N, C-alpha and C. Protein backbone atom coordinates (compact mmCIF):
# COMPACT_ATOMS: atom_id res chain seq x y z
N MET A 1 1.00 -1.27 -0.19
CA MET A 1 0.29 0.03 -0.02
C MET A 1 0.94 1.14 -0.13
N THR A 2 0.84 2.20 -0.98
CA THR A 2 1.37 2.56 -1.18
C THR A 2 0.86 4.67 -0.39
N ALA A 3 1.11 5.41 0.49
CA ALA A 3 0.84 6.49 0.91
C ALA A 3 0.63 7.76 -0.08
N SER A 4 -0.45 8.40 0.01
CA SER A 4 -0.54 9.46 -1.04
C SER A 4 -0.17 10.67 -0.06
N LEU A 5 -0.39 12.08 -1.15
CA LEU A 5 -0.12 13.54 0.00
C LEU A 5 -1.15 13.82 -0.95
N SER A 6 -2.43 14.35 0.22
CA SER A 6 -3.44 14.59 -0.27
C SER A 6 -3.76 16.31 -0.02
N LEU A 7 -4.49 16.69 -0.92
CA LEU A 7 -4.60 18.80 -0.86
C LEU A 7 -5.43 18.65 0.26
N ARG A 8 -6.14 17.72 0.61
CA ARG A 8 -7.28 17.94 1.76
C ARG A 8 -6.79 17.90 3.30
N PRO A 9 -6.95 18.81 4.17
CA PRO A 9 -6.89 18.36 5.87
C PRO A 9 -7.49 16.97 5.87
N ALA A 10 -7.04 16.08 6.56
CA ALA A 10 -7.14 14.71 7.47
C ALA A 10 -8.54 14.87 7.53
N ARG A 11 -9.59 13.77 7.46
CA ARG A 11 -11.33 14.01 7.75
C ARG A 11 -11.65 13.68 9.37
N THR A 12 -10.03 13.36 10.02
CA THR A 12 -10.89 13.19 11.43
C THR A 12 -10.91 15.02 12.04
N ALA A 13 -10.23 15.62 11.73
CA ALA A 13 -10.27 17.01 11.81
C ALA A 13 -9.77 17.97 11.03
N PRO A 14 -11.64 18.12 10.06
CA PRO A 14 -10.96 18.84 9.00
C PRO A 14 -11.03 20.51 8.93
N ARG A 15 -11.48 20.64 9.84
CA ARG A 15 -11.22 21.81 10.35
C ARG A 15 -9.96 22.63 11.60
N THR A 16 -9.43 21.42 11.94
CA THR A 16 -7.96 22.11 12.72
C THR A 16 -7.03 22.76 12.01
N LEU A 17 -6.49 22.61 11.15
CA LEU A 17 -5.68 23.25 10.45
C LEU A 17 -5.87 24.85 9.76
N PRO A 18 -7.06 24.48 9.23
CA PRO A 18 -7.45 25.65 9.04
C PRO A 18 -7.90 27.01 9.84
N ALA A 19 -8.85 26.43 10.98
CA ALA A 19 -8.64 27.10 12.31
C ALA A 19 -6.60 27.32 12.92
N VAL A 20 -6.36 26.79 13.02
CA VAL A 20 -5.00 27.28 13.14
C VAL A 20 -4.39 28.42 12.77
N LEU A 21 -4.33 28.10 11.24
CA LEU A 21 -3.81 29.33 10.11
C LEU A 21 -4.89 29.97 10.86
N PHE A 22 -5.96 30.26 10.90
CA PHE A 22 -7.09 31.49 10.78
C PHE A 22 -6.26 32.33 12.03
N GLY A 23 -6.11 31.52 13.12
CA GLY A 23 -5.67 32.35 14.20
C GLY A 23 -4.24 32.95 14.47
N VAL A 24 -3.43 32.03 13.70
CA VAL A 24 -2.14 32.56 13.18
C VAL A 24 -2.13 33.79 12.26
N TYR A 25 -3.05 33.94 10.94
CA TYR A 25 -3.45 35.02 10.37
C TYR A 25 -3.39 36.04 11.13
N LEU A 26 -5.05 35.39 12.41
CA LEU A 26 -5.39 36.75 12.83
C LEU A 26 -4.06 37.47 13.82
N ILE A 27 -3.28 36.90 14.43
CA ILE A 27 -2.42 37.45 15.33
C ILE A 27 -1.52 38.54 14.37
N LEU A 28 -1.00 37.69 13.28
CA LEU A 28 -0.57 39.02 12.15
C LEU A 28 -0.49 39.59 11.98
N LEU A 29 -2.79 39.91 11.69
CA LEU A 29 -3.14 41.25 11.13
C LEU A 29 -2.97 41.72 12.60
N VAL A 30 -3.35 41.67 13.36
CA VAL A 30 -3.16 42.45 14.75
C VAL A 30 -1.95 43.19 14.79
N TRP A 31 -0.97 42.54 14.54
CA TRP A 31 0.78 43.23 14.54
C TRP A 31 0.68 43.85 13.08
N ALA A 32 -0.21 44.00 12.50
CA ALA A 32 0.24 44.34 11.05
C ALA A 32 -0.44 45.77 11.55
N VAL A 33 -2.11 45.79 11.84
CA VAL A 33 -2.72 46.97 11.91
C VAL A 33 -2.17 47.88 12.65
N LEU A 34 -1.42 47.23 14.20
CA LEU A 34 -2.01 48.31 15.33
C LEU A 34 -0.16 48.51 14.87
N TRP A 35 0.78 47.64 14.80
CA TRP A 35 2.35 48.05 15.53
C TRP A 35 2.88 48.25 13.54
N LYS A 36 2.43 47.76 12.73
CA LYS A 36 2.73 48.26 11.34
C LYS A 36 4.17 46.85 11.58
N PHE A 37 4.47 46.14 12.22
CA PHE A 37 5.63 45.14 11.72
C PHE A 37 6.45 45.27 12.74
N HIS A 38 6.36 46.53 13.44
CA HIS A 38 7.17 47.06 14.32
C HIS A 38 6.89 46.12 15.92
N VAL A 39 8.07 46.10 16.82
CA VAL A 39 7.47 45.65 18.18
C VAL A 39 6.81 46.57 18.40
N PRO A 40 5.40 45.98 19.21
CA PRO A 40 4.63 46.45 20.32
C PRO A 40 5.27 48.09 21.18
N ASP A 41 4.56 49.04 20.69
CA ASP A 41 4.93 49.96 21.54
C ASP A 41 3.70 50.26 22.64
N LEU A 42 3.47 50.26 23.65
CA LEU A 42 2.23 50.26 24.31
C LEU A 42 2.16 51.32 25.35
N SER A 43 2.89 52.60 25.02
CA SER A 43 3.67 54.11 26.00
C SER A 43 1.83 54.47 25.56
N GLY A 44 1.90 54.19 24.45
CA GLY A 44 0.12 55.72 24.01
C GLY A 44 0.79 56.73 23.65
N ASP A 45 1.89 56.91 23.44
CA ASP A 45 2.83 58.44 23.08
C ASP A 45 2.38 58.44 21.48
N GLY A 46 1.74 57.23 20.98
CA GLY A 46 1.74 57.60 19.20
C GLY A 46 0.37 58.56 18.84
N VAL A 47 -0.19 58.48 17.69
CA VAL A 47 -1.32 59.14 17.15
C VAL A 47 -2.32 58.38 17.77
N ARG A 48 -3.80 59.54 18.21
CA ARG A 48 -4.24 59.14 18.66
C ARG A 48 -5.72 60.14 17.88
N ALA A 49 -6.10 59.79 16.84
CA ALA A 49 -6.97 60.62 16.06
C ALA A 49 -8.19 59.95 14.97
N VAL A 50 -8.90 60.08 14.89
CA VAL A 50 -10.16 59.25 14.24
C VAL A 50 -10.43 60.40 13.05
N LYS A 51 -10.76 59.86 11.65
CA LYS A 51 -11.10 60.06 10.11
C LYS A 51 -12.73 59.61 10.46
N LEU A 52 -14.01 60.39 9.87
CA LEU A 52 -14.73 59.69 10.32
C LEU A 52 -15.36 59.50 8.84
N VAL A 53 -14.97 60.76 7.93
CA VAL A 53 -15.35 60.79 6.21
C VAL A 53 -14.33 60.32 4.76
N PRO A 54 -14.75 58.93 5.12
CA PRO A 54 -14.04 58.52 4.43
C PRO A 54 -13.81 59.02 2.81
N PHE A 55 -12.65 58.14 2.61
CA PHE A 55 -11.91 58.35 0.82
C PHE A 55 -11.47 59.81 0.91
N VAL A 56 -11.90 60.61 1.52
CA VAL A 56 -11.59 62.18 1.26
C VAL A 56 -10.71 63.01 2.31
N ALA A 57 -10.04 63.54 2.24
CA ALA A 57 -9.05 64.63 2.65
C ALA A 57 -9.42 65.47 4.31
N SER A 58 -9.10 65.48 5.31
CA SER A 58 -10.05 65.84 6.24
C SER A 58 -9.88 66.44 7.08
N GLU A 59 -9.68 67.65 7.75
CA GLU A 59 -9.36 68.28 9.21
C GLU A 59 -7.37 67.23 9.57
N GLY A 60 -6.85 67.95 8.74
CA GLY A 60 -5.42 67.65 9.18
C GLY A 60 -5.08 65.90 8.27
N PHE A 61 -6.14 64.91 7.71
CA PHE A 61 -6.08 63.99 7.14
C PHE A 61 -6.05 64.19 5.81
N GLY A 62 -4.66 63.81 5.09
CA GLY A 62 -5.12 64.09 3.53
C GLY A 62 -5.85 62.90 3.15
N ALA A 63 -5.87 63.00 1.81
CA ALA A 63 -6.75 61.93 1.12
C ALA A 63 -6.06 60.39 1.01
N ASN A 64 -6.64 59.63 0.98
CA ASN A 64 -6.52 58.19 0.89
C ASN A 64 -5.45 57.86 -0.08
N ARG A 65 -4.26 57.39 0.05
CA ARG A 65 -3.35 57.32 -0.94
C ARG A 65 -3.63 55.63 -1.40
N LEU A 66 -3.97 55.16 -2.75
CA LEU A 66 -4.12 54.15 -3.29
C LEU A 66 -3.45 52.68 -2.98
N SER A 67 -1.83 52.96 -2.61
CA SER A 67 -1.26 51.69 -2.11
C SER A 67 -2.00 51.71 -0.56
N GLU A 68 -1.79 52.67 0.49
CA GLU A 68 -3.02 52.30 1.11
C GLU A 68 -4.22 51.79 1.37
N MET A 69 -4.57 51.77 0.62
CA MET A 69 -6.33 51.76 -0.14
C MET A 69 -6.05 50.22 -0.21
N LEU A 70 -5.05 49.88 -1.05
CA LEU A 70 -5.14 48.64 -1.78
C LEU A 70 -4.67 47.62 -0.62
N ALA A 71 -3.78 47.58 -0.14
CA ALA A 71 -3.04 47.08 1.47
C ALA A 71 -4.18 46.76 2.19
N ASN A 72 -5.52 47.67 2.33
CA ASN A 72 -6.27 47.64 3.58
C ASN A 72 -7.32 46.70 2.53
N VAL A 73 -7.66 46.15 2.02
CA VAL A 73 -8.33 45.30 1.16
C VAL A 73 -7.45 43.62 0.82
N ALA A 74 -6.35 43.60 0.80
CA ALA A 74 -5.42 42.63 0.96
C ALA A 74 -5.43 41.82 1.79
N LEU A 75 -5.31 42.60 2.92
CA LEU A 75 -4.92 42.48 4.30
C LEU A 75 -5.94 41.27 4.59
N PHE A 76 -7.45 41.89 3.98
CA PHE A 76 -8.41 41.34 5.01
C PHE A 76 -9.08 40.44 3.46
N VAL A 77 -8.31 39.90 2.80
CA VAL A 77 -8.67 38.46 1.62
C VAL A 77 -8.74 37.84 2.78
N PRO A 78 -7.48 37.29 2.80
CA PRO A 78 -7.08 35.49 3.89
C PRO A 78 -8.51 35.74 4.82
N PHE A 79 -9.25 36.75 5.78
CA PHE A 79 -10.00 36.61 6.54
C PHE A 79 -11.20 36.00 5.98
N GLY A 80 -11.84 36.55 5.22
CA GLY A 80 -12.90 36.02 3.96
C GLY A 80 -12.48 34.72 3.46
N VAL A 81 -11.39 34.24 2.80
CA VAL A 81 -11.07 32.97 2.63
C VAL A 81 -11.21 32.30 3.90
N TYR A 82 -10.47 32.41 4.62
CA TYR A 82 -10.67 31.23 6.13
C TYR A 82 -11.85 31.27 6.88
N LEU A 83 -12.42 32.11 6.34
CA LEU A 83 -14.40 31.95 6.85
C LEU A 83 -15.28 30.99 5.82
N GLY A 84 -14.56 31.16 4.71
CA GLY A 84 -15.32 30.28 3.62
C GLY A 84 -14.64 29.20 3.83
N VAL A 85 -13.91 28.74 4.42
CA VAL A 85 -13.34 27.66 4.67
C VAL A 85 -13.89 26.84 5.99
N LEU A 86 -13.88 27.38 6.58
CA LEU A 86 -13.87 27.19 7.95
C LEU A 86 -15.98 27.27 8.04
N ALA A 87 -16.10 28.17 7.40
CA ALA A 87 -17.64 28.16 7.62
C ALA A 87 -18.52 28.35 6.04
N PRO A 88 -18.65 26.35 5.42
CA PRO A 88 -18.51 26.60 4.01
C PRO A 88 -20.46 26.88 3.76
N ARG A 89 -21.03 26.97 5.16
CA ARG A 89 -22.54 27.29 4.14
C ARG A 89 -22.95 28.83 4.56
N TRP A 90 -21.87 29.64 4.87
CA TRP A 90 -22.41 30.85 5.45
C TRP A 90 -22.56 31.95 4.17
N ARG A 91 -23.08 32.32 4.47
CA ARG A 91 -23.55 33.43 3.17
C ARG A 91 -23.05 34.77 3.18
N VAL A 92 -22.51 35.46 2.67
CA VAL A 92 -21.73 36.58 2.62
C VAL A 92 -22.66 37.80 3.47
N GLY A 93 -23.73 37.96 3.80
CA GLY A 93 -23.75 38.67 5.11
C GLY A 93 -22.73 38.64 6.21
N PRO A 94 -23.41 37.34 7.07
CA PRO A 94 -22.44 36.85 8.07
C PRO A 94 -20.99 37.04 7.88
N VAL A 95 -20.12 36.69 6.79
CA VAL A 95 -18.82 37.19 6.44
C VAL A 95 -18.74 39.09 7.05
N ALA A 96 -19.60 40.01 6.02
CA ALA A 96 -19.48 40.97 6.09
C ALA A 96 -19.45 41.50 7.22
N ALA A 97 -20.50 41.08 8.16
CA ALA A 97 -20.54 41.54 9.14
C ALA A 97 -19.46 40.96 10.41
N LEU A 98 -18.82 39.96 10.10
CA LEU A 98 -17.96 39.49 11.29
C LEU A 98 -16.73 40.66 10.87
N ALA A 99 -16.10 40.42 9.29
CA ALA A 99 -15.22 41.08 8.88
C ALA A 99 -15.28 43.12 9.70
N ALA A 100 -16.57 43.53 8.82
CA ALA A 100 -16.88 44.63 9.88
C ALA A 100 -16.33 44.74 11.36
N LEU A 101 -16.88 44.35 12.32
CA LEU A 101 -16.91 44.08 13.73
C LEU A 101 -15.45 44.44 13.81
N ALA A 102 -14.35 43.15 12.86
CA ALA A 102 -13.51 42.86 13.17
C ALA A 102 -12.26 43.69 12.87
N SER A 103 -12.77 45.02 12.29
CA SER A 103 -11.94 45.92 11.51
C SER A 103 -12.20 46.86 12.56
N CYS A 104 -13.36 47.19 12.96
CA CYS A 104 -13.81 47.89 14.31
C CYS A 104 -13.25 48.05 14.81
N ILE A 105 -12.95 46.38 15.66
CA ILE A 105 -12.46 46.21 16.76
C ILE A 105 -10.47 46.77 16.20
N LEU A 106 -10.12 46.61 15.78
CA LEU A 106 -8.84 47.17 15.41
C LEU A 106 -8.83 48.66 14.87
N GLU A 107 -9.79 49.44 14.59
CA GLU A 107 -9.61 50.22 14.60
C GLU A 107 -9.60 51.04 15.63
N GLY A 108 -10.73 50.90 16.69
CA GLY A 108 -11.07 51.29 18.40
C GLY A 108 -9.64 50.99 19.11
N LEU A 109 -9.22 49.88 18.63
CA LEU A 109 -7.36 49.59 19.30
C LEU A 109 -6.51 50.58 19.36
N GLN A 110 -6.47 50.27 17.73
CA GLN A 110 -5.57 51.92 17.23
C GLN A 110 -5.35 53.11 18.07
N TYR A 111 -7.15 53.73 18.00
CA TYR A 111 -7.48 54.95 18.79
C TYR A 111 -6.59 54.69 19.99
N VAL A 112 -7.15 53.95 21.14
CA VAL A 112 -7.24 53.21 22.53
C VAL A 112 -5.66 53.09 22.52
N LEU A 113 -5.42 52.35 21.63
CA LEU A 113 -3.40 52.32 22.29
C LEU A 113 -2.76 53.39 21.37
N ALA A 114 -3.43 54.47 20.82
CA ALA A 114 -2.54 55.27 20.58
C ALA A 114 -1.22 55.10 19.34
N SER A 115 -1.36 53.94 18.97
CA SER A 115 -0.83 53.25 17.43
C SER A 115 -0.90 54.10 15.70
N GLY A 116 -1.72 54.66 15.70
CA GLY A 116 -2.51 55.22 14.31
C GLY A 116 -4.01 55.98 14.29
N SER A 117 -3.62 56.23 13.82
CA SER A 117 -5.20 56.70 13.34
C SER A 117 -6.41 55.96 12.78
N SER A 118 -7.80 55.89 13.60
CA SER A 118 -8.72 55.28 13.56
C SER A 118 -9.85 56.30 11.99
N ASP A 119 -9.63 54.95 11.27
CA ASP A 119 -10.21 55.88 9.82
C ASP A 119 -11.44 54.75 9.31
N VAL A 120 -12.60 55.39 9.00
CA VAL A 120 -13.78 54.58 8.49
C VAL A 120 -13.12 54.05 6.98
N THR A 121 -12.63 55.22 6.54
CA THR A 121 -12.09 54.02 5.22
C THR A 121 -11.47 52.91 5.30
N ASP A 122 -10.89 52.41 6.63
CA ASP A 122 -10.10 51.36 6.34
C ASP A 122 -11.12 50.38 7.21
N VAL A 123 -12.45 50.53 7.31
CA VAL A 123 -13.33 49.62 8.35
C VAL A 123 -13.80 49.34 6.27
N ILE A 124 -14.15 49.85 6.06
CA ILE A 124 -15.22 50.12 4.42
C ILE A 124 -13.99 49.13 3.42
N LEU A 125 -12.92 49.30 3.66
CA LEU A 125 -11.42 48.49 2.77
C LEU A 125 -11.35 47.13 3.33
N ASN A 126 -11.37 47.13 4.06
CA ASN A 126 -11.15 45.84 4.87
C ASN A 126 -12.62 45.01 5.15
N THR A 127 -13.58 45.40 5.25
CA THR A 127 -14.87 44.68 5.10
C THR A 127 -14.81 44.22 3.56
N SER A 128 -14.37 44.82 2.31
CA SER A 128 -14.32 44.96 1.16
C SER A 128 -13.75 43.49 0.68
N GLY A 129 -12.64 43.74 1.30
CA GLY A 129 -11.32 42.55 0.84
C GLY A 129 -11.60 41.29 1.70
N ALA A 130 -12.35 41.14 3.00
CA ALA A 130 -12.77 40.19 3.31
C ALA A 130 -13.91 39.81 2.81
N VAL A 131 -15.25 40.20 2.17
CA VAL A 131 -15.75 40.02 1.15
C VAL A 131 -15.38 39.32 -0.51
N ALA A 132 -14.52 39.72 -0.53
CA ALA A 132 -13.93 39.64 -1.57
C ALA A 132 -13.52 38.50 -1.65
N GLY A 133 -12.41 37.95 -0.80
CA GLY A 133 -11.80 36.88 -0.63
C GLY A 133 -12.99 35.70 -0.17
N PHE A 134 -14.25 35.89 0.08
CA PHE A 134 -15.04 34.64 0.59
C PHE A 134 -16.16 34.98 -1.19
N LEU A 135 -16.12 35.81 -1.69
CA LEU A 135 -17.03 35.74 -3.29
C LEU A 135 -15.91 34.61 -3.56
N VAL A 136 -14.91 35.05 -3.81
CA VAL A 136 -14.06 34.64 -4.81
C VAL A 136 -14.13 33.11 -4.26
N LEU A 137 -13.78 32.27 -3.35
CA LEU A 137 -13.66 30.99 -2.59
C LEU A 137 -15.25 30.41 -3.13
N SER A 138 -15.88 31.41 -3.03
CA SER A 138 -17.47 31.10 -3.52
C SER A 138 -17.59 30.55 -4.91
N VAL A 139 -17.10 31.17 -5.20
CA VAL A 139 -17.31 31.34 -7.21
C VAL A 139 -16.23 30.08 -7.56
N LEU A 140 -14.85 29.51 -6.96
CA LEU A 140 -14.37 28.77 -7.35
C LEU A 140 -14.94 27.87 -6.77
N ARG A 141 -15.36 27.81 -5.99
CA ARG A 141 -16.35 26.36 -4.80
C ARG A 141 -17.38 25.80 -6.28
N ARG A 142 -17.65 26.73 -6.31
CA ARG A 142 -19.23 26.35 -7.39
C ARG A 142 -18.93 25.23 -8.67
N ALA A 143 -17.92 26.62 -9.02
CA ALA A 143 -17.29 26.17 -10.63
C ALA A 143 -16.64 25.08 -10.81
N SER A 144 -15.88 24.56 -9.44
CA SER A 144 -14.79 23.23 -9.44
C SER A 144 -15.80 22.25 -9.31
N ARG A 145 -17.09 22.96 -8.87
CA ARG A 145 -17.26 21.90 -7.60
C ARG A 145 -16.85 20.86 -6.75
N GLY A 146 -16.17 22.37 -6.07
CA GLY A 146 -15.20 21.61 -4.26
C GLY A 146 -14.03 21.65 -4.74
N ARG A 147 -13.34 21.51 -5.93
CA ARG A 147 -11.85 20.64 -6.16
C ARG A 147 -10.88 22.05 -6.05
N ALA A 148 -11.21 23.29 -6.43
CA ALA A 148 -10.34 24.42 -6.04
C ALA A 148 -10.40 25.16 -4.95
N VAL A 149 -11.52 24.66 -4.11
CA VAL A 149 -11.18 24.79 -2.50
C VAL A 149 -10.14 24.28 -2.17
N ALA A 150 -9.37 23.08 -2.42
CA ALA A 150 -8.11 22.91 -1.70
C ALA A 150 -6.98 23.68 -1.78
N ALA A 151 -6.96 24.09 -2.98
CA ALA A 151 -5.98 24.93 -3.70
C ALA A 151 -5.65 26.35 -3.18
N VAL A 152 -7.23 27.23 -2.93
CA VAL A 152 -6.84 28.31 -2.50
C VAL A 152 -6.96 28.25 -0.98
N PHE A 153 -6.76 27.11 -0.84
CA PHE A 153 -6.30 27.01 1.54
C PHE A 153 -5.19 27.01 1.37
N TRP A 154 -4.73 26.11 0.11
CA TRP A 154 -3.43 25.46 0.87
C TRP A 154 -2.25 27.51 -0.08
N LEU A 155 -3.13 27.76 -0.70
CA LEU A 155 -2.32 28.99 -0.65
C LEU A 155 -1.91 29.94 0.42
N CYS A 156 -3.29 29.80 0.50
CA CYS A 156 -3.65 30.77 2.15
C CYS A 156 -2.24 30.38 3.46
N PHE A 157 -2.48 29.02 3.27
CA PHE A 157 -1.42 28.12 4.42
C PHE A 157 -0.44 28.73 3.77
N VAL A 158 0.19 28.45 2.81
CA VAL A 158 1.97 28.90 2.40
C VAL A 158 2.02 30.69 2.67
N VAL A 159 1.16 31.49 2.29
CA VAL A 159 1.21 33.14 2.64
C VAL A 159 1.22 33.14 4.07
N THR A 160 0.40 32.31 4.49
CA THR A 160 0.19 32.36 6.18
C THR A 160 1.33 31.95 6.93
N VAL A 161 1.83 30.71 6.16
CA VAL A 161 2.98 30.89 6.69
C VAL A 161 4.36 31.88 6.58
N ALA A 162 4.50 31.85 5.82
CA ALA A 162 5.44 32.55 4.79
C ALA A 162 5.59 34.10 5.76
N ALA A 163 4.44 34.56 5.79
CA ALA A 163 4.07 35.57 6.70
C ALA A 163 4.93 35.37 7.84
N ALA A 164 4.53 34.33 8.77
CA ALA A 164 4.51 34.29 9.73
C ALA A 164 6.17 34.04 10.40
N LEU A 165 7.26 33.33 9.43
CA LEU A 165 8.14 33.17 8.95
C LEU A 165 8.94 34.58 9.26
N TRP A 166 8.45 35.34 8.63
CA TRP A 166 8.93 36.86 8.20
C TRP A 166 8.73 37.65 9.61
N GLY A 167 7.66 37.74 9.69
CA GLY A 167 7.06 38.30 11.31
C GLY A 167 8.21 37.81 12.22
N ALA A 168 8.22 36.72 12.45
CA ALA A 168 9.08 36.11 12.95
C ALA A 168 10.79 36.55 13.51
N SER A 169 11.38 36.84 11.99
CA SER A 169 12.16 37.14 11.51
C SER A 169 12.75 38.48 11.81
N LEU A 170 11.88 39.32 11.46
CA LEU A 170 11.77 41.00 12.12
C LEU A 170 12.03 41.38 13.19
N LEU A 171 11.60 40.11 14.54
CA LEU A 171 11.96 40.30 16.00
C LEU A 171 13.33 39.89 16.41
N GLY A 172 14.24 39.90 15.89
CA GLY A 172 15.31 39.72 16.09
C GLY A 172 15.82 40.60 15.15
N VAL A 173 15.41 41.38 14.76
CA VAL A 173 16.37 42.95 13.78
C VAL A 173 16.22 43.85 14.78
N PRO A 174 17.96 44.94 14.55
CA PRO A 174 17.18 46.32 15.18
C PRO A 174 16.29 47.02 14.44
N LEU A 175 15.33 47.80 15.40
CA LEU A 175 13.93 48.33 14.62
C LEU A 175 14.75 49.65 13.39
N HIS A 176 16.02 50.33 13.92
CA HIS A 176 16.60 51.53 13.67
C HIS A 176 17.20 50.83 11.87
N SER A 177 17.13 49.47 11.83
CA SER A 177 17.63 48.97 10.60
C SER A 177 16.61 48.64 9.82
N LEU A 178 15.23 48.72 10.13
CA LEU A 178 14.54 47.74 8.67
C LEU A 178 13.84 49.58 8.40
N PRO A 179 13.55 48.81 6.74
CA PRO A 179 13.17 50.09 5.97
C PRO A 179 11.97 50.49 6.34
N PRO A 180 11.84 52.03 6.22
CA PRO A 180 10.38 52.47 6.44
C PRO A 180 9.44 51.99 5.93
N LEU A 181 8.16 50.87 6.29
CA LEU A 181 7.31 50.50 5.36
C LEU A 181 6.22 51.69 4.36
N HIS A 182 6.10 52.50 4.76
CA HIS A 182 5.17 53.50 4.16
C HIS A 182 6.62 54.74 3.88
N ARG A 183 5.62 55.86 3.10
CA ARG A 183 6.55 56.62 2.59
C ARG A 183 6.01 58.23 1.92
């Protein structure tokens, strides 16, 4: 009897690996949003501002840069994919609601921790990214009769593990030697 490599998680615990990876992704997401992949600073000496008008310059805030907006969408695409893998019977409404809630929590934490400005635009774009990830997975699931779901999941697996390894490597690098994340 020969063993074969399957692209599907083991049948005994079909949601264990995706759930663990979703947890790792959420940790990385919090680190990215709150501390921009730097060592956490909880001193409260940073920026504490709220931008309530989306997509436009207002009261000391410039207009949102395209690169920043695309990053906000991209950061939450795996959120939607992981929810699609973990809760395949969910519809887009609960996914959008959970993504919006998660984004609001992160934006609120940015304000409380003074780690960045809280922006309604970010909530809109983060939610859009999660919905896009969920919808892409749903379309692929229907079009391929479920065969593409494993490939999309393993793509998320590779990206999550690579991001975790990259993040771990940053912990050993002095902050002054890191290039700025945005200009």
